[in-house]
């Protein structure tokens, strides 16, 4: 069952948890908005439980990304792209209604958007990026190639960030195990075995 547009997207009322994958991709998208003549950009990563998208929206003039949460079954281009694992180019509301019935946009006004899925080196979906244009727009083949390169760049950065997170967590776990082992050894040294202290019978 598809989640209704009224409840599918919810702006976070509290700061979002740190998400290194999204952070690196959001920086890349924000820096590229002017170069690709886009007015806004969205970066989405899949939640830990796999049922939602954690989304960060940036514009050319925003100081900080705005965090949203979208249900993975919601009728938005970002969710559709992740579900279908393929790019989605919408040139106008008319084309949206004709070619993608049932889909809606977070921003209802007539505009265009390009949405690219992001894959790691093993073909696993990391999330998606969406570039929004305030006016209807027909995308040229050259523009599509630029968007694809941007998507690969974001995916590579996110894959690297994920490896860093994994290695950092593993190193922290190893340090905790070493500390626990050292504490246990110190405890045993401070408490001699009671059998050795007991007086042997005559």
C-alpha atoms as a PDB file:
ATOM      1  CA  UNK A   1       0.000   0.000   0.000  1.00  0.00           C
ATOM      2  CA  UNK A   2       1.345   3.436  -0.922  1.00  0.00           C
ATOM      3  CA  UNK A   3       1.747   5.971   1.844  1.00  0.00           C
ATOM      4  CA  UNK A   4      -0.313   9.137   1.339  1.00  0.00           C
ATOM      5  CA  UNK A   5       1.611  12.281   0.316  1.00  0.00           C
ATOM      6  CA  UNK A   6       0.345  14.060   3.442  1.00  0.00           C
ATOM      7  CA  UNK A   7       2.172  11.682   5.772  1.00  0.00           C
ATOM      8  CA  UNK A   8       4.982  10.278   3.632  1.00  0.00           C
ATOM      9  CA  UNK A   9       7.317  13.255   4.047  1.00  0.00           C
ATOM     10  CA  UNK A  10       7.968  14.713   7.468  1.00  0.00           C
ATOM     11  CA  UNK A  11      10.487  17.410   8.326  1.00  0.00           C
ATOM     12  CA  UNK A  12      12.576  16.526  11.354  1.00  0.00           C
ATOM     13  CA  UNK A  13      11.822  18.671  14.378  1.00  0.00           C
ATOM     14  CA  UNK A  14      15.159  17.758  15.968  1.00  0.00           C
ATOM     15  CA  UNK A  15      18.613  17.666  14.410  1.00  0.00           C
ATOM     16  CA  UNK A  16      19.159  14.477  12.433  1.00  0.00           C
ATOM     17  CA  UNK A  17      21.621  11.921  13.673  1.00  0.00           C
ATOM     18  CA  UNK A  18      25.063  12.170  12.128  1.00  0.00           C
ATOM     19  CA  UNK A  19      25.109  10.357   8.786  1.00  0.00           C
ATOM     20  CA  UNK A  20      28.564  10.456   7.257  1.00  0.00           C
ATOM     21  CA  UNK A  21      27.418   8.939   3.968  1.00  0.00           C
ATOM     22  CA  UNK A  22      24.791  11.630   3.469  1.00  0.00           C
ATOM     23  CA  UNK A  23      27.086  14.393   4.680  1.00  0.00           C
ATOM     24  CA  UNK A  24      29.775  13.758   2.069  1.00  0.00           C
ATOM     25  CA  UNK A  25      27.251  13.427  -0.764  1.00  0.00           C
ATOM     26  CA  UNK A  26      25.347  16.537   0.359  1.00  0.00           C
ATOM     27  CA  UNK A  27      28.539  18.595   0.219  1.00  0.00           C
ATOM     28  CA  UNK A  28      29.214  17.361  -3.333  1.00  0.00           C
ATOM     29  CA  UNK A  29      25.658  18.071  -4.506  1.00  0.00           C
ATOM     30  CA  UNK A  30      25.592  21.532  -2.901  1.00  0.00           C
ATOM     31  CA  UNK A  31      28.859  22.471  -4.596  1.00  0.00           C
ATOM     32  CA  UNK A  32      27.564  21.292  -7.997  1.00  0.00           C
ATOM     33  CA  UNK A  33      24.123  22.951  -8.027  1.00  0.00           C
ATOM     34  CA  UNK A  34      25.281  26.094  -9.783  1.00  0.00           C
ATOM     35  CA  UNK A  35      27.410  24.158 -12.272  1.00  0.00           C
ATOM     36  CA  UNK A  36      24.432  22.063 -13.413  1.00  0.00           C
ATOM     37  CA  UNK A  37      22.042  25.057 -13.154  1.00  0.00           C
ATOM     38  CA  UNK A  38      19.848  23.276 -10.586  1.00  0.00           C
ATOM     39  CA  UNK A  39      17.924  25.166  -7.918  1.00  0.00           C
ATOM     40  CA  UNK A  40      17.859  22.466  -5.232  1.00  0.00           C
ATOM     41  CA  UNK A  41      19.357  19.098  -4.492  1.00  0.00           C
ATOM     42  CA  UNK A  42      18.274  16.130  -2.390  1.00  0.00           C
ATOM     43  CA  UNK A  43      20.477  13.334  -1.057  1.00  0.00           C
ATOM     44  CA  UNK A  44      18.798  10.178   0.261  1.00  0.00           C
ATOM     45  CA  UNK A  45      20.211   7.224   2.169  1.00  0.00           C
ATOM     46  CA  UNK A  46      18.337   4.095   3.215  1.00  0.00           C
ATOM     47  CA  UNK A  47      17.461   3.838   6.902  1.00  0.00           C
ATOM     48  CA  UNK A  48      18.946   1.061   9.019  1.00  0.00           C
ATOM     49  CA  UNK A  49      15.666  -0.868   9.017  1.00  0.00           C
ATOM     50  CA  UNK A  50      15.327  -0.523   5.230  1.00  0.00           C
ATOM     51  CA  UNK A  51      11.842   0.960   5.419  1.00  0.00           C
ATOM     52  CA  UNK A  52      12.548   4.646   4.929  1.00  0.00           C
ATOM     53  CA  UNK A  53      14.802   7.179   3.252  1.00  0.00           C
ATOM     54  CA  UNK A  54      16.703   9.749   5.266  1.00  0.00           C
ATOM     55  CA  UNK A  55      16.791  12.805   3.007  1.00  0.00           C
ATOM     56  CA  UNK A  56      18.783  16.036   3.127  1.00  0.00           C
ATOM     57  CA  UNK A  57      17.704  19.011   0.984  1.00  0.00           C
ATOM     58  CA  UNK A  58      20.090  21.789  -0.031  1.00  0.00           C
ATOM     59  CA  UNK A  59      19.777  24.871  -2.213  1.00  0.00           C
ATOM     60  CA  UNK A  60      22.339  27.265  -3.639  1.00  0.00           C
ATOM     61  CA  UNK A  61      21.719  29.651  -0.767  1.00  0.00           C
ATOM     62  CA  UNK A  62      20.947  27.386   2.203  1.00  0.00           C
ATOM     63  CA  UNK A  63      23.413  27.414   5.068  1.00  0.00           C
ATOM     64  CA  UNK A  64      22.423  24.012   6.419  1.00  0.00           C
ATOM     65  CA  UNK A  65      20.622  21.044   4.838  1.00  0.00           C
ATOM     66  CA  UNK A  66      16.992  20.434   5.782  1.00  0.00           C
ATOM     67  CA  UNK A  67      16.350  16.876   6.964  1.00  0.00           C
ATOM     68  CA  UNK A  68      13.287  14.907   5.831  1.00  0.00           C
ATOM     69  CA  UNK A  69      12.193  11.310   6.251  1.00  0.00           C
ATOM     70  CA  UNK A  70      10.335   9.575   3.412  1.00  0.00           C
ATOM     71  CA  UNK A  71       8.746   6.151   3.587  1.00  0.00           C
ATOM     72  CA  UNK A  72      10.364   3.839   1.047  1.00  0.00           C
ATOM     73  CA  UNK A  73       6.923   3.076  -0.410  1.00  0.00           C
ATOM     74  CA  UNK A  74       6.029   6.775  -0.726  1.00  0.00           C
ATOM     75  CA  UNK A  75       5.058   8.226  -4.140  1.00  0.00           C
ATOM     76  CA  UNK A  76       8.111  10.462  -4.574  1.00  0.00           C
ATOM     77  CA  UNK A  77      10.801  10.295  -7.279  1.00  0.00           C
ATOM     78  CA  UNK A  78      13.581   9.606  -4.751  1.00  0.00           C
ATOM     79  CA  UNK A  79      11.738   6.584  -3.342  1.00  0.00           C
ATOM     80  CA  UNK A  80      10.709   5.384  -6.806  1.00  0.00           C
ATOM     81  CA  UNK A  81      14.303   5.560  -8.023  1.00  0.00           C
ATOM     82  CA  UNK A  82      15.581   3.524  -5.071  1.00  0.00           C
ATOM     83  CA  UNK A  83      12.805   0.944  -5.483  1.00  0.00           C
ATOM     84  CA  UNK A  84      13.322   0.529  -9.231  1.00  0.00           C
ATOM     85  CA  UNK A  85      17.128   1.025  -9.169  1.00  0.00           C
ATOM     86  CA  UNK A  86      17.039   3.255 -12.252  1.00  0.00           C
ATOM     87  CA  UNK A  87      17.222   6.985 -13.074  1.00  0.00           C
ATOM     88  CA  UNK A  88      14.081   9.053 -13.329  1.00  0.00           C
ATOM     89  CA  UNK A  89      13.829  12.259 -15.371  1.00  0.00           C
ATOM     90  CA  UNK A  90      10.694  14.387 -15.043  1.00  0.00           C
ATOM     91  CA  UNK A  91      10.483  17.410 -17.316  1.00  0.00           C
ATOM     92  CA  UNK A  92       7.166  18.870 -16.102  1.00  0.00           C
ATOM     93  CA  UNK A  93       3.978  18.120 -14.194  1.00  0.00           C
ATOM     94  CA  UNK A  94       2.300  17.180 -17.472  1.00  0.00           C
ATOM     95  CA  UNK A  95       4.957  14.574 -18.237  1.00  0.00           C
ATOM     96  CA  UNK A  96       4.790  13.349 -14.634  1.00  0.00           C
ATOM     97  CA  UNK A  97       1.034  12.745 -14.903  1.00  0.00           C
ATOM     98  CA  UNK A  98       1.338  11.024 -18.297  1.00  0.00           C
ATOM     99  CA  UNK A  99       4.390   8.816 -17.761  1.00  0.00           C
ATOM    100  CA  UNK A 100       4.383   8.291 -13.995  1.00  0.00           C
ATOM    101  CA  UNK A 101       0.780   8.210 -12.748  1.00  0.00           C
ATOM    102  CA  UNK A 102       0.632   8.091  -8.982  1.00  0.00           C
ATOM    103  CA  UNK A 103       3.925   9.884  -8.413  1.00  0.00           C
ATOM    104  CA  UNK A 104       3.991  13.320  -6.801  1.00  0.00           C
ATOM    105  CA  UNK A 105       6.707  15.782  -5.813  1.00  0.00           C
ATOM    106  CA  UNK A 106       7.502  17.259  -2.417  1.00  0.00           C
ATOM    107  CA  UNK A 107       7.182  20.630  -4.169  1.00  0.00           C
ATOM    108  CA  UNK A 108       3.835  20.708  -5.999  1.00  0.00           C
ATOM    109  CA  UNK A 109       4.573  23.609  -8.380  1.00  0.00           C
ATOM    110  CA  UNK A 110       5.377  22.741 -12.002  1.00  0.00           C
ATOM    111  CA  UNK A 111       9.086  22.036 -12.269  1.00  0.00           C
ATOM    112  CA  UNK A 112      11.595  19.486 -13.496  1.00  0.00           C
ATOM    113  CA  UNK A 113      13.819  17.057 -11.642  1.00  0.00           C
ATOM    114  CA  UNK A 114      16.471  14.448 -12.346  1.00  0.00           C
ATOM    115  CA  UNK A 115      16.899  11.559  -9.907  1.00  0.00           C
ATOM    116  CA  UNK A 116      19.848   9.148  -9.951  1.00  0.00           C
ATOM    117  CA  UNK A 117      20.257   5.946  -7.921  1.00  0.00           C
ATOM    118  CA  UNK A 118      23.584   5.489  -6.137  1.00  0.00           C
ATOM    119  CA  UNK A 119      25.323   2.103  -6.133  1.00  0.00           C
ATOM    120  CA  UNK A 120      28.409   0.809  -4.360  1.00  0.00           C
ATOM    121  CA  UNK A 121      31.088  -1.316  -6.036  1.00  0.00           C
ATOM    122  CA  UNK A 122      29.006  -4.466  -5.438  1.00  0.00           C
ATOM    123  CA  UNK A 123      25.840  -3.068  -6.986  1.00  0.00           C
ATOM    124  CA  UNK A 124      24.134  -2.443  -3.649  1.00  0.00           C
ATOM    125  CA  UNK A 125      21.865   0.619  -3.585  1.00  0.00           C
ATOM    126  CA  UNK A 126      23.263   3.260  -1.234  1.00  0.00           C
ATOM    127  CA  UNK A 127      20.501   5.798  -1.867  1.00  0.00           C
ATOM    128  CA  UNK A 128      19.784   8.422  -4.503  1.00  0.00           C
ATOM    129  CA  UNK A 129      20.288  12.046  -5.435  1.00  0.00           C
ATOM    130  CA  UNK A 130      17.700  14.396  -6.921  1.00  0.00           C
ATOM    131  CA  UNK A 131      18.346  17.675  -8.714  1.00  0.00           C
ATOM    132  CA  UNK A 132      15.414  20.069  -8.887  1.00  0.00           C
ATOM    133  CA  UNK A 133      14.790  22.852 -11.420  1.00  0.00           C
ATOM    134  CA  UNK A 134      12.251  25.587 -10.731  1.00  0.00           C
ATOM    135  CA  UNK A 135      10.972  25.615 -14.318  1.00  0.00           C
ATOM    136  CA  UNK A 136       9.946  22.765 -16.645  1.00  0.00           C
ATOM    137  CA  UNK A 137      13.044  21.535 -18.450  1.00  0.00           C
ATOM    138  CA  UNK A 138      13.863  18.973 -21.150  1.00  0.00           C
ATOM    139  CA  UNK A 139      17.145  17.236 -20.327  1.00  0.00           C
ATOM    140  CA  UNK A 140      19.734  16.893 -23.069  1.00  0.00           C
ATOM    141  CA  UNK A 141      21.940  13.856 -23.521  1.00  0.00           C
ATOM    142  CA  UNK A 142      24.918  15.892 -22.350  1.00  0.00           C
ATOM    143  CA  UNK A 143      23.088  16.884 -19.160  1.00  0.00           C
ATOM    144  CA  UNK A 144      22.175  13.267 -18.457  1.00  0.00           C
ATOM    145  CA  UNK A 145      25.849  12.293 -18.774  1.00  0.00           C
ATOM    146  CA  UNK A 146      26.801  15.050 -16.310  1.00  0.00           C
ATOM    147  CA  UNK A 147      24.156  13.850 -13.832  1.00  0.00           C
ATOM    148  CA  UNK A 148      25.404  10.261 -14.178  1.00  0.00           C
ATOM    149  CA  UNK A 149      28.987  11.357 -13.454  1.00  0.00           C
ATOM    150  CA  UNK A 150      27.786  13.318 -10.440  1.00  0.00           C
ATOM    151  CA  UNK A 151      25.910  10.256  -9.211  1.00  0.00           C
ATOM    152  CA  UNK A 152      29.008   8.051  -9.558  1.00  0.00           C
ATOM    153  CA  UNK A 153      31.094  10.652  -7.729  1.00  0.00           C
ATOM    154  CA  UNK A 154      28.592  10.752  -4.849  1.00  0.00           C
ATOM    155  CA  UNK A 155      28.389   6.949  -4.726  1.00  0.00           C
ATOM    156  CA  UNK A 156      32.190   6.616  -4.616  1.00  0.00           C
ATOM    157  CA  UNK A 157      32.395   9.154  -1.784  1.00  0.00           C
ATOM    158  CA  UNK A 158      29.610   7.405   0.130  1.00  0.00           C
ATOM    159  CA  UNK A 159      31.274   4.003  -0.302  1.00  0.00           C
ATOM    160  CA  UNK A 160      34.513   5.416   1.067  1.00  0.00           C
ATOM    161  CA  UNK A 161      32.653   7.005   3.987  1.00  0.00           C
ATOM    162  CA  UNK A 162      30.990   3.686   4.768  1.00  0.00           C
ATOM    163  CA  UNK A 163      34.364   1.918   4.816  1.00  0.00           C
ATOM    164  CA  UNK A 164      35.708   4.604   7.145  1.00  0.00           C
ATOM    165  CA  UNK A 165      32.707   4.169   9.456  1.00  0.00           C
ATOM    166  CA  UNK A 166      33.123   0.372   9.453  1.00  0.00           C
ATOM    167  CA  UNK A 167      36.851   0.529  10.136  1.00  0.00           C
ATOM    168  CA  UNK A 168      36.388   3.150  12.863  1.00  0.00           C
ATOM    169  CA  UNK A 169      33.718   1.036  14.585  1.00  0.00           C
ATOM    170  CA  UNK A 170      35.906  -2.084  14.351  1.00  0.00           C
ATOM    171  CA  UNK A 171      38.897  -0.238  15.814  1.00  0.00           C
ATOM    172  CA  UNK A 172      36.764   1.106  18.678  1.00  0.00           C
ATOM    173  CA  UNK A 173      35.440  -2.397  19.422  1.00  0.00           C
ATOM    174  CA  UNK A 174      38.993  -3.769  19.442  1.00  0.00           C
ATOM    175  CA  UNK A 175      40.076  -1.061  21.890  1.00  0.00           C
ATOM    176  CA  UNK A 176      37.155  -1.913  24.183  1.00  0.00           C
ATOM    177  CA  UNK A 177      38.097  -5.601  24.108  1.00  0.00           C
ATOM    178  CA  UNK A 178      41.734  -4.797  24.918  1.00  0.00           C
ATOM    179  CA  UNK A 179      40.691  -2.571  27.824  1.00  0.00           C
ATOM    180  CA  UNK A 180      38.337  -5.246  29.157  1.00  0.00           C
ATOM    181  CA  UNK A 181      41.068  -7.884  28.904  1.00  0.00           C
ATOM    182  CA  UNK A 182      43.610  -5.670  30.649  1.00  0.00           C
ATOM    183  CA  UNK A 183      41.108  -4.945  33.430  1.00  0.00           C
ATOM    184  CA  UNK A 184      40.411  -8.650  33.961  1.00  0.00           C
ATOM    185  CA  UNK A 185      44.127  -9.473  34.145  1.00  0.00           C
ATOM    186  CA  UNK A 186      44.727  -6.661  36.645  1.00  0.00           C
ATOM    187  CA  UNK A 187      41.852  -7.920  38.768  1.00  0.00           C
ATOM    188  CA  UNK A 188      43.284 -11.440  38.850  1.00  0.00           C
ATOM    189  CA  UNK A 189      46.695 -10.093  39.929  1.00  0.00           C
ATOM    190  CA  UNK A 190      45.103  -8.164  42.805  1.00  0.00           C
ATOM    191  CA  UNK A 191      43.090 -11.188  44.009  1.00  0.00           C
ATOM    192  CA  UNK A 192      45.321 -14.275  44.537  1.00  0.00           C
ATOM    193  CA  UNK A 193      43.691 -17.633  44.144  1.00  0.00           C
ATOM    194  CA  UNK A 194      42.140 -18.648  47.538  1.00  0.00           C
ATOM    195  CA  UNK A 195      43.292 -22.261  47.106  1.00  0.00           C
ATOM    196  CA  UNK A 196      46.914 -21.183  47.303  1.00  0.00           C
ATOM    197  CA  UNK A 197      46.229 -19.144  50.471  1.00  0.00           C
ATOM    198  CA  UNK A 198      44.458 -21.950  52.329  1.00  0.00           C
ATOM    199  CA  UNK A 199      46.515 -23.823  54.905  1.00  0.00           C
ATOM    200  CA  UNK A 200      47.135 -27.403  53.887  1.00  0.00           C
ATOM    201  CA  UNK A 201      46.181 -30.080  56.459  1.00  0.00           C
ATOM    202  CA  UNK A 202      49.025 -31.497  58.567  1.00  0.00           C
END
